[in-house]
Every structure is written in structure tokens, then in C-alpha cells.
C-alpha atoms as a PDB file:
ATOM      1  CA  MET A   1      80.296  82.089  95.559  1.00  0.00           C
ATOM      2  CA  ILE A   2      77.784  82.447  92.879  1.00  0.00           C
ATOM      3  CA  CYS A   3      78.875  86.187  92.359  1.00  0.00           C
ATOM      4  CA  GLY A   4      82.216  84.777  92.011  1.00  0.00           C
ATOM      5  CA  TYR A   5      81.405  82.288  89.350  1.00  0.00           C
ATOM      6  CA  GLY A   6      79.540  85.261  87.437  1.00  0.00           C
ATOM      7  CA  PHE A   7      82.601  87.426  87.480  1.00  0.00           C
ATOM      8  CA  ASP A   8      84.603  84.426  86.096  1.00  0.00           C
ATOM      9  CA  LEU A   9      82.074  83.690  83.496  1.00  0.00           C
ATOM     10  CA  TYR A  10      82.283  87.705  82.605  1.00  0.00           C
ATOM     11  CA  SER A  11      86.266  87.225  82.554  1.00  0.00           C
ATOM     12  CA  PHE A  12      86.067  84.218  80.365  1.00  0.00           C
ATOM     13  CA  VAL A  13      83.322  85.552  77.876  1.00  0.00           C
ATOM     14  CA  PHE A  14      84.921  89.090  77.486  1.00  0.00           C
ATOM     15  CA  GLY A  15      88.582  88.335  77.966  1.00  0.00           C
ATOM     16  CA  LYS A  16      89.043  90.862  80.807  1.00  0.00           C
ATOM     17  CA  LYS A  17      90.385  90.542  84.177  1.00  0.00           C
ATOM     18  CA  THR A  18      88.307  91.506  87.346  1.00  0.00           C
ATOM     19  CA  SER A  19      89.428  92.107  90.681  1.00  0.00           C
ATOM     20  CA  ILE A  20      86.753  89.750  91.882  1.00  0.00           C
ATOM     21  CA  SER A  21      86.790  85.892  91.462  1.00  0.00           C
ATOM     22  CA  SER A  22      85.276  82.799  92.954  1.00  0.00           C
ATOM     23  CA  VAL A  23      88.762  81.999  94.243  1.00  0.00           C
ATOM     24  CA  ARG A  24      88.972  85.591  95.812  1.00  0.00           C
ATOM     25  CA  VAL A  25      85.426  84.912  97.438  1.00  0.00           C
ATOM     26  CA  LYS A  26      86.151  81.624  98.527  1.00  0.00           C
ATOM     27  CA  LYS A  27      89.189  82.661 100.283  1.00  0.00           C
ATOM     28  CA  PHE A  28      87.259  85.500 101.830  1.00  0.00           C
ATOM     29  CA  CYS A  29      84.550  83.267 103.269  1.00  0.00           C
ATOM     30  CA  ALA A  30      86.882  80.663 104.612  1.00  0.00           C
ATOM     31  CA  THR A  31      87.495  80.165 108.167  1.00  0.00           C
ATOM     32  CA  THR A  32      90.942  81.631 109.461  1.00  0.00           C
ATOM     33  CA  GLN A  33      90.614  80.371 113.045  1.00  0.00           C
ATOM     34  CA  PHE A  34      93.260  77.932 114.416  1.00  0.00           C
ATOM     35  CA  ASP A  35      94.108  76.487 117.803  1.00  0.00           C
ATOM     36  CA  ALA A  36      97.170  78.265 119.362  1.00  0.00           C
ATOM     37  CA  THR A  37      97.232  76.546 122.963  1.00  0.00           C
ATOM     38  CA  LYS A  38     100.475  74.906 122.356  1.00  0.00           C
ATOM     39  CA  ALA A  39     101.921  78.292 121.475  1.00  0.00           C
ATOM     40  CA  HIS A  40     100.842  79.793 124.629  1.00  0.00           C
ATOM     41  CA  ASN A  41     101.722  77.068 126.734  1.00  0.00           C
ATOM     42  CA  SER A  42     105.645  76.921 125.485  1.00  0.00           C
ATOM     43  CA  PHE A  43     106.142  80.754 124.947  1.00  0.00           C
ATOM     44  CA  ASP A  44     107.757  82.623 127.827  1.00  0.00           C
ATOM     45  CA  VAL A  45     107.441  86.502 127.675  1.00  0.00           C
ATOM     46  CA  PRO A  46     110.912  88.084 127.809  1.00  0.00           C
ATOM     47  CA  PHE A  47     109.511  91.224 129.253  1.00  0.00           C
ATOM     48  CA  SER A  48     106.006  92.790 130.087  1.00  0.00           C
ATOM     49  CA  LEU A  49     104.061  94.792 127.400  1.00  0.00           C
ATOM     50  CA  LYS A  50     104.712  97.939 129.574  1.00  0.00           C
ATOM     51  CA  ASP A  51     108.504  97.476 129.412  1.00  0.00           C
ATOM     52  CA  GLY A  52     108.054  96.652 125.717  1.00  0.00           C
ATOM     53  CA  ILE A  53     106.353 100.146 125.187  1.00  0.00           C
ATOM     54  CA  TYR A  54     108.902 101.961 127.275  1.00  0.00           C
ATOM     55  CA  LYS A  55     111.725 100.597 125.415  1.00  0.00           C
ATOM     56  CA  THR A  56     110.228 101.353 121.961  1.00  0.00           C
ATOM     57  CA  LEU A  57     109.328 104.942 122.794  1.00  0.00           C
ATOM     58  CA  ASP A  58     112.894 105.210 124.271  1.00  0.00           C
ATOM     59  CA  PHE A  59     114.465 103.882 121.570  1.00  0.00           C
ATOM     60  CA  GLU A  60     112.528 105.427 118.485  1.00  0.00           C
ATOM     61  CA  PHE A  61     111.705 108.879 120.123  1.00  0.00           C
ATOM     62  CA  ILE A  62     113.502 109.745 123.276  1.00  0.00           C
ATOM     63  CA  ASN A  63     117.152 108.572 122.422  1.00  0.00           C
ATOM     64  CA  PRO A  64     117.270 107.752 118.873  1.00  0.00           C
ATOM     65  CA  ASP A  65     120.036 106.272 117.381  1.00  0.00           C
ATOM     66  CA  GLN A  66     121.915 109.024 115.211  1.00  0.00           C
ATOM     67  CA  ASP A  67     123.659 106.541 112.678  1.00  0.00           C
ATOM     68  CA  ASP A  68     122.279 108.487 109.920  1.00  0.00           C
ATOM     69  CA  VAL A  69     120.446 105.036 108.298  1.00  0.00           C
ATOM     70  CA  LEU A  70     116.826 105.665 107.282  1.00  0.00           C
ATOM     71  CA  PHE A  71     114.340 103.077 106.599  1.00  0.00           C
ATOM     72  CA  TYR A  72     111.576 103.936 104.082  1.00  0.00           C
ATOM     73  CA  SER A  73     108.353 101.968 104.087  1.00  0.00           C
ATOM     74  CA  GLU A  74     106.159 101.334 101.221  1.00  0.00           C
END
């Protein structure tokens, strides 16, 4: 956190934004664990992982849809 405050001071004094700040350091050091037991108890798997992989490979590579719609990602 001290380094983050140092970058905040630098940004304030020189008027330049830096990619590191105390807020970013605080977010990086925060605990991101959560309890998912309720989700695991109430969720029913519609199909197995093996079936999902087979369906994905079949849809994407073996028998692709020929609708001429292309999706580009970033």
C-alpha cells in the first residue's frame, strides 16, 4: 500500500496519471474468495463434462453451421 500511496503522491505533484495507484494495489491485495455451497447444492448439471466437450467439438469443428455469420472477438 505504501508504494501505491507513493504513486498517488507522484500523480498529484506532477499531474501525470500512472497505471499504479493505491486503489489498484488495494484491489490486488483483497481477498476474492466466496462460499459457493448454496450454488453447488441447488445446481443440477444438465449433462456431463465429457458430453459438453463432444457437443462443442461437433458444433464448432466437425459439423459447423453454414449460416455465413462470423463473430470476431477483440
